[in-house]
């Protein structure tokens, strides 16, 4: 009996908190008979097969301008020999994209599940079909209450430490106040903390003045507004719960869509 072959291109091979969580979320929406290969998007290497029933680009992470530029040709060749292509991703450092290459990639997606409303509004018209998934990593975090009154000040290198994911989630969610320089540790804290703060990422070596923009997109998605970085703000728990419900429903539709495709 033939089983569908699925290729997933992502950054889950790094120690990145969000990408490691995305690995588990994606596995949960794939059909039980899907034979799946997870492969790094960067550095890109030739996949073990020439054709796939489904190629999935991203597991809820951000598409980077450098990846869209450098990987454009090998990705287009891969898409040419595959039955279906979907994207599960957002965007960051948007002003640095080579727009025609980003548009070209999105135009090959049978369905782009855009992480944030900003992503959909800016680029959704270039995909064959696009919808607002929301940041599905919120589904990896329990809705809970903190047990410690102290401020947890996370460091930017939290991703490089070999903490088990469940341990790190519990440690973050134990604190009433959390400062996070990373997107998805902030999202984790929003499901438990009373007040949080963040600082933007500026990590493009050639353009150190350009902010990622993804914090603002996430805050707009959840709360309908942004907050100044570095200042603790009170978490609107009702808004977080509403967003969790919104995303959970969209994940169910994503699971059904993938099942129908393959």
Protein backbone atom coordinates (compact mmCIF):
# COMPACT_ATOMS: atom_id res chain seq x y z
CA UNK A 1 0.00 0.00 0.00
CA UNK A 2 1.51 3.32 -1.09
CA UNK A 3 1.81 5.97 1.59
CA UNK A 4 1.99 9.71 0.87
CA UNK A 5 5.45 11.22 1.02
CA UNK A 6 5.81 14.57 2.77
CA UNK A 7 8.88 16.81 2.84
CA UNK A 8 9.04 19.49 5.55
CA UNK A 9 11.52 22.34 5.16
CA UNK A 10 12.14 24.28 8.37
CA UNK A 11 14.65 25.30 11.01
CA UNK A 12 13.68 22.64 13.55
CA UNK A 13 17.23 21.25 13.44
CA UNK A 14 18.46 24.33 15.32
CA UNK A 15 18.12 24.89 19.07
CA UNK A 16 15.50 27.55 18.43
CA UNK A 17 12.65 27.30 20.96
CA UNK A 18 9.83 28.03 18.53
CA UNK A 19 11.09 25.85 15.70
CA UNK A 20 11.56 22.88 18.01
CA UNK A 21 7.97 23.24 19.19
CA UNK A 22 6.74 23.53 15.61
CA UNK A 23 8.14 20.08 14.86
CA UNK A 24 5.66 18.51 17.27
CA UNK A 25 2.71 20.65 16.20
CA UNK A 26 3.20 19.78 12.55
CA UNK A 27 3.47 16.08 13.24
CA UNK A 28 0.10 16.29 15.00
CA UNK A 29 -1.70 17.62 11.90
CA UNK A 30 -0.23 15.17 9.37
CA UNK A 31 -2.19 12.05 8.42
CA UNK A 32 -1.07 8.94 10.35
CA UNK A 33 0.11 7.24 7.15
CA UNK A 34 2.23 10.17 5.91
CA UNK A 35 5.88 9.19 5.50
CA UNK A 36 7.65 12.37 6.50
CA UNK A 37 11.15 13.75 6.04
CA UNK A 38 12.16 16.84 8.03
CA UNK A 39 14.97 18.67 6.32
CA UNK A 40 16.78 21.92 7.17
CA UNK A 41 15.90 24.89 5.03
CA UNK A 42 19.41 26.20 5.58
CA UNK A 43 21.84 24.88 4.63
CA UNK A 44 19.70 23.46 1.84
CA UNK A 45 20.64 20.06 0.47
CA UNK A 46 19.08 17.86 -2.20
CA UNK A 47 16.14 15.91 -0.71
CA UNK A 48 16.27 12.10 -0.75
CA UNK A 49 13.52 11.92 -3.41
CA UNK A 50 12.92 13.96 -6.54
CA UNK A 51 9.14 14.13 -6.14
CA UNK A 52 6.82 14.48 -3.16
CA UNK A 53 3.10 14.31 -2.59
CA UNK A 54 3.40 17.38 -0.38
CA UNK A 55 6.14 19.88 0.40
CA UNK A 56 5.56 22.00 3.50
CA UNK A 57 7.60 25.18 3.80
CA UNK A 58 7.85 26.24 7.42
CA UNK A 59 6.44 25.00 10.71
CA UNK A 60 5.21 28.35 11.98
CA UNK A 61 8.58 30.08 11.74
CA UNK A 62 9.49 33.25 9.84
CA UNK A 63 10.62 33.27 6.23
CA UNK A 64 13.91 35.14 6.08
CA UNK A 65 14.87 37.51 3.24
CA UNK A 66 18.21 35.75 2.78
CA UNK A 67 16.57 32.33 2.47
CA UNK A 68 14.00 33.56 -0.04
CA UNK A 69 16.80 35.05 -2.12
CA UNK A 70 19.42 32.29 -1.96
CA UNK A 71 17.08 29.28 -2.03
CA UNK A 72 14.73 30.56 -4.71
CA UNK A 73 16.06 28.43 -7.59
CA UNK A 74 16.42 25.09 -5.75
CA UNK A 75 13.01 25.54 -4.14
CA UNK A 76 11.34 26.28 -7.46
CA UNK A 77 12.89 23.14 -8.96
CA UNK A 78 11.62 21.14 -6.01
CA UNK A 79 8.13 22.60 -6.34
CA UNK A 80 8.11 21.72 -10.06
CA UNK A 81 8.42 18.00 -9.29
CA UNK A 82 6.01 17.86 -6.33
CA UNK A 83 2.24 17.42 -6.35
CA UNK A 84 1.39 20.05 -3.76
CA UNK A 85 3.14 22.81 -1.81
CA UNK A 86 1.88 24.63 1.27
CA UNK A 87 3.49 27.22 3.50
CA UNK A 88 3.05 27.54 7.27
CA UNK A 89 5.01 30.66 8.07
CA UNK A 90 5.24 34.36 8.73
CA UNK A 91 7.69 36.97 7.53
CA UNK A 92 10.31 39.15 9.21
CA UNK A 93 12.71 41.93 8.20
CA UNK A 94 10.20 42.59 5.43
CA UNK A 95 11.92 45.62 3.93
CA UNK A 96 14.92 43.42 3.07
CA UNK A 97 13.03 40.94 0.87
CA UNK A 98 13.72 40.83 -2.84
CA UNK A 99 10.03 41.24 -3.52
CA UNK A 100 9.84 39.41 -6.84
CA UNK A 101 11.47 36.34 -5.27
CA UNK A 102 9.15 36.31 -2.28
CA UNK A 103 6.15 36.77 -4.58
CA UNK A 104 7.46 33.99 -6.83
CA UNK A 105 7.72 31.54 -3.93
CA UNK A 106 4.31 32.41 -2.51
CA UNK A 107 2.80 32.06 -5.96
CA UNK A 108 3.72 28.36 -5.94
CA UNK A 109 1.96 27.64 -2.66
CA UNK A 110 -1.34 25.82 -3.09
CA UNK A 111 -2.21 27.33 0.28
CA UNK A 112 -0.25 29.72 2.46
CA UNK A 113 -1.21 29.58 6.13
CA UNK A 114 0.00 33.03 7.13
CA UNK A 115 1.11 33.40 10.71
CA UNK A 116 -0.13 36.93 11.33
CA UNK A 117 -2.79 39.18 9.88
CA UNK A 118 -0.03 41.55 8.75
CA UNK A 119 1.53 38.76 6.68
CA UNK A 120 -1.79 37.99 5.01
CA UNK A 121 -2.58 41.64 4.30
CA UNK A 122 0.84 42.34 2.78
CA UNK A 123 1.45 39.18 0.76
CA UNK A 124 -1.60 36.91 0.81
CA UNK A 125 -2.76 38.00 -2.63
CA UNK A 126 0.32 36.43 -4.21
CA UNK A 127 -0.45 32.85 -3.11
CA UNK A 128 -2.96 30.66 -4.95
CA UNK A 129 -4.90 30.53 -1.70
CA UNK A 130 -4.07 32.16 1.62
CA UNK A 131 -5.61 32.30 5.07
CA UNK A 132 -4.77 33.68 8.49
CA UNK A 133 -3.66 30.76 10.66
CA UNK A 134 -2.47 32.77 13.64
CA UNK A 135 0.65 31.89 15.60
CA UNK A 136 -0.07 28.23 16.11
CA UNK A 137 2.71 27.82 18.68
CA UNK A 138 0.27 29.25 21.22
CA UNK A 139 -1.37 25.81 21.08
CA UNK A 140 1.80 24.31 22.58
CA UNK A 141 1.45 26.31 25.80
CA UNK A 142 -1.06 25.61 28.56
CA UNK A 143 -3.22 28.42 29.87
CA UNK A 144 -2.16 28.62 33.50
CA UNK A 145 -1.44 30.92 36.44
CA UNK A 146 1.98 31.96 37.78
CA UNK A 147 3.24 30.84 41.18
CA UNK A 148 6.19 33.21 41.67
CA UNK A 149 5.97 36.97 42.16
CA UNK A 150 9.47 37.65 40.82
CA UNK A 151 10.42 39.02 37.41
CA UNK A 152 11.94 36.46 35.04
CA UNK A 153 14.41 38.17 32.75
CA UNK A 154 15.13 35.83 29.85
CA UNK A 155 18.35 36.20 27.88
CA UNK A 156 18.62 36.25 24.10
CA UNK A 157 20.73 33.09 24.18
CA UNK A 158 17.95 31.08 25.83
CA UNK A 159 17.69 29.23 22.50
CA UNK A 160 21.26 27.91 22.66
CA UNK A 161 20.88 26.17 25.99
CA UNK A 162 19.91 22.50 26.01
CA UNK A 163 16.81 22.82 28.15
CA UNK A 164 14.02 20.28 27.61
CA UNK A 165 11.05 22.10 26.10
CA UNK A 166 8.62 21.11 28.83
CA UNK A 167 11.03 22.29 31.53
CA UNK A 168 11.53 25.66 29.84
CA UNK A 169 7.78 26.20 29.35
CA UNK A 170 7.10 25.46 33.02
CA UNK A 171 9.94 27.75 34.14
CA UNK A 172 8.63 30.66 32.06
CA UNK A 173 5.03 30.17 33.11
CA UNK A 174 5.86 30.03 36.81
CA UNK A 175 6.62 33.78 36.89
CA UNK A 176 4.12 36.60 37.30
CA UNK A 177 6.27 39.05 35.32
CA UNK A 178 8.41 38.08 32.31
CA UNK A 179 10.84 40.02 30.11
CA UNK A 180 11.62 38.28 26.81
CA UNK A 181 13.93 39.22 23.94
CA UNK A 182 12.55 36.32 21.87
CA UNK A 183 9.19 36.02 20.18
CA UNK A 184 7.94 32.63 21.24
CA UNK A 185 9.15 32.75 24.82
CA UNK A 186 7.06 35.93 24.99
CA UNK A 187 4.08 34.08 23.50
CA UNK A 188 4.57 31.37 26.11
CA UNK A 189 4.53 33.98 28.88
CA UNK A 190 1.33 35.56 27.54
CA UNK A 191 -0.50 32.36 28.48
CA UNK A 192 0.35 32.73 32.16
CA UNK A 193 2.00 36.01 33.23
CA UNK A 194 0.22 39.11 34.49
CA UNK A 195 2.72 41.54 32.97
CA UNK A 196 5.30 41.09 30.24
CA UNK A 197 7.85 43.12 28.30
CA UNK A 198 9.93 42.49 25.22
CA UNK A 199 12.76 43.94 23.18
CA UNK A 200 12.90 43.80 19.37
CA UNK A 201 15.38 41.71 17.41
CA UNK A 202 18.00 43.34 15.21
CA UNK A 203 19.98 40.44 13.81
CA UNK A 204 20.66 41.08 10.16
CA UNK A 205 24.45 41.48 9.94
CA UNK A 206 24.34 43.66 6.84
CA UNK A 207 21.47 45.83 8.09
CA UNK A 208 21.77 46.03 11.90
CA UNK A 209 19.34 48.95 12.01
CA UNK A 210 16.41 46.91 10.64
CA UNK A 211 14.03 45.40 13.21
CA UNK A 212 12.38 42.03 12.69
CA UNK A 213 8.87 43.51 12.95
CA UNK A 214 7.42 40.23 14.16
CA UNK A 215 6.77 41.34 17.76
CA UNK A 216 4.49 44.12 16.59
CA UNK A 217 2.71 41.71 14.23
CA UNK A 218 2.10 39.22 17.04
CA UNK A 219 0.84 41.84 19.47
CA UNK A 220 -1.49 43.28 16.84
CA UNK A 221 -2.76 39.76 16.15
CA UNK A 222 -3.59 39.04 19.77
CA UNK A 223 -4.44 42.42 21.29
CA UNK A 224 -5.23 44.60 18.29
CA UNK A 225 -2.50 47.02 19.30
CA UNK A 226 1.24 47.22 19.91
CA UNK A 227 3.16 48.06 23.08
CA UNK A 228 6.40 49.94 23.58
CA UNK A 229 9.37 47.65 23.96
CA UNK A 230 11.13 47.30 27.33
CA UNK A 231 8.05 48.51 29.25
CA UNK A 232 6.05 45.95 31.22
CA UNK A 233 2.41 45.90 30.13
CA UNK A 234 -0.60 44.12 31.62
CA UNK A 235 -1.68 41.02 29.73
CA UNK A 236 -5.31 41.04 28.58
CA UNK A 237 -6.13 37.45 29.47
CA UNK A 238 -9.50 37.50 27.71
CA UNK A 239 -7.78 38.51 24.47
CA UNK A 240 -5.28 35.68 24.87
CA UNK A 241 -8.08 33.16 25.41
CA UNK A 242 -9.97 34.44 22.35
CA UNK A 243 -6.80 34.11 20.27
CA UNK A 244 -6.19 30.57 21.52
CA UNK A 245 -9.71 29.61 20.42
CA UNK A 246 -9.20 31.28 17.04
CA UNK A 247 -5.94 29.44 16.42
CA UNK A 248 -7.24 26.08 17.67
CA UNK A 249 -10.10 26.25 15.17
CA UNK A 250 -7.71 27.11 12.35
CA UNK A 251 -5.41 24.22 13.24
CA UNK A 252 -8.37 21.87 12.86
CA UNK A 253 -9.05 23.26 9.40
CA UNK A 254 -5.36 22.97 8.50
CA UNK A 255 -5.40 19.30 9.51
CA UNK A 256 -8.44 18.67 7.31
CA UNK A 257 -6.92 20.57 4.38
CA UNK A 258 -3.71 18.55 4.46
CA UNK A 259 -5.64 15.30 4.68
CA UNK A 260 -7.62 16.23 1.58
CA UNK A 261 -4.50 17.25 -0.37
CA UNK A 262 -2.70 13.96 0.07
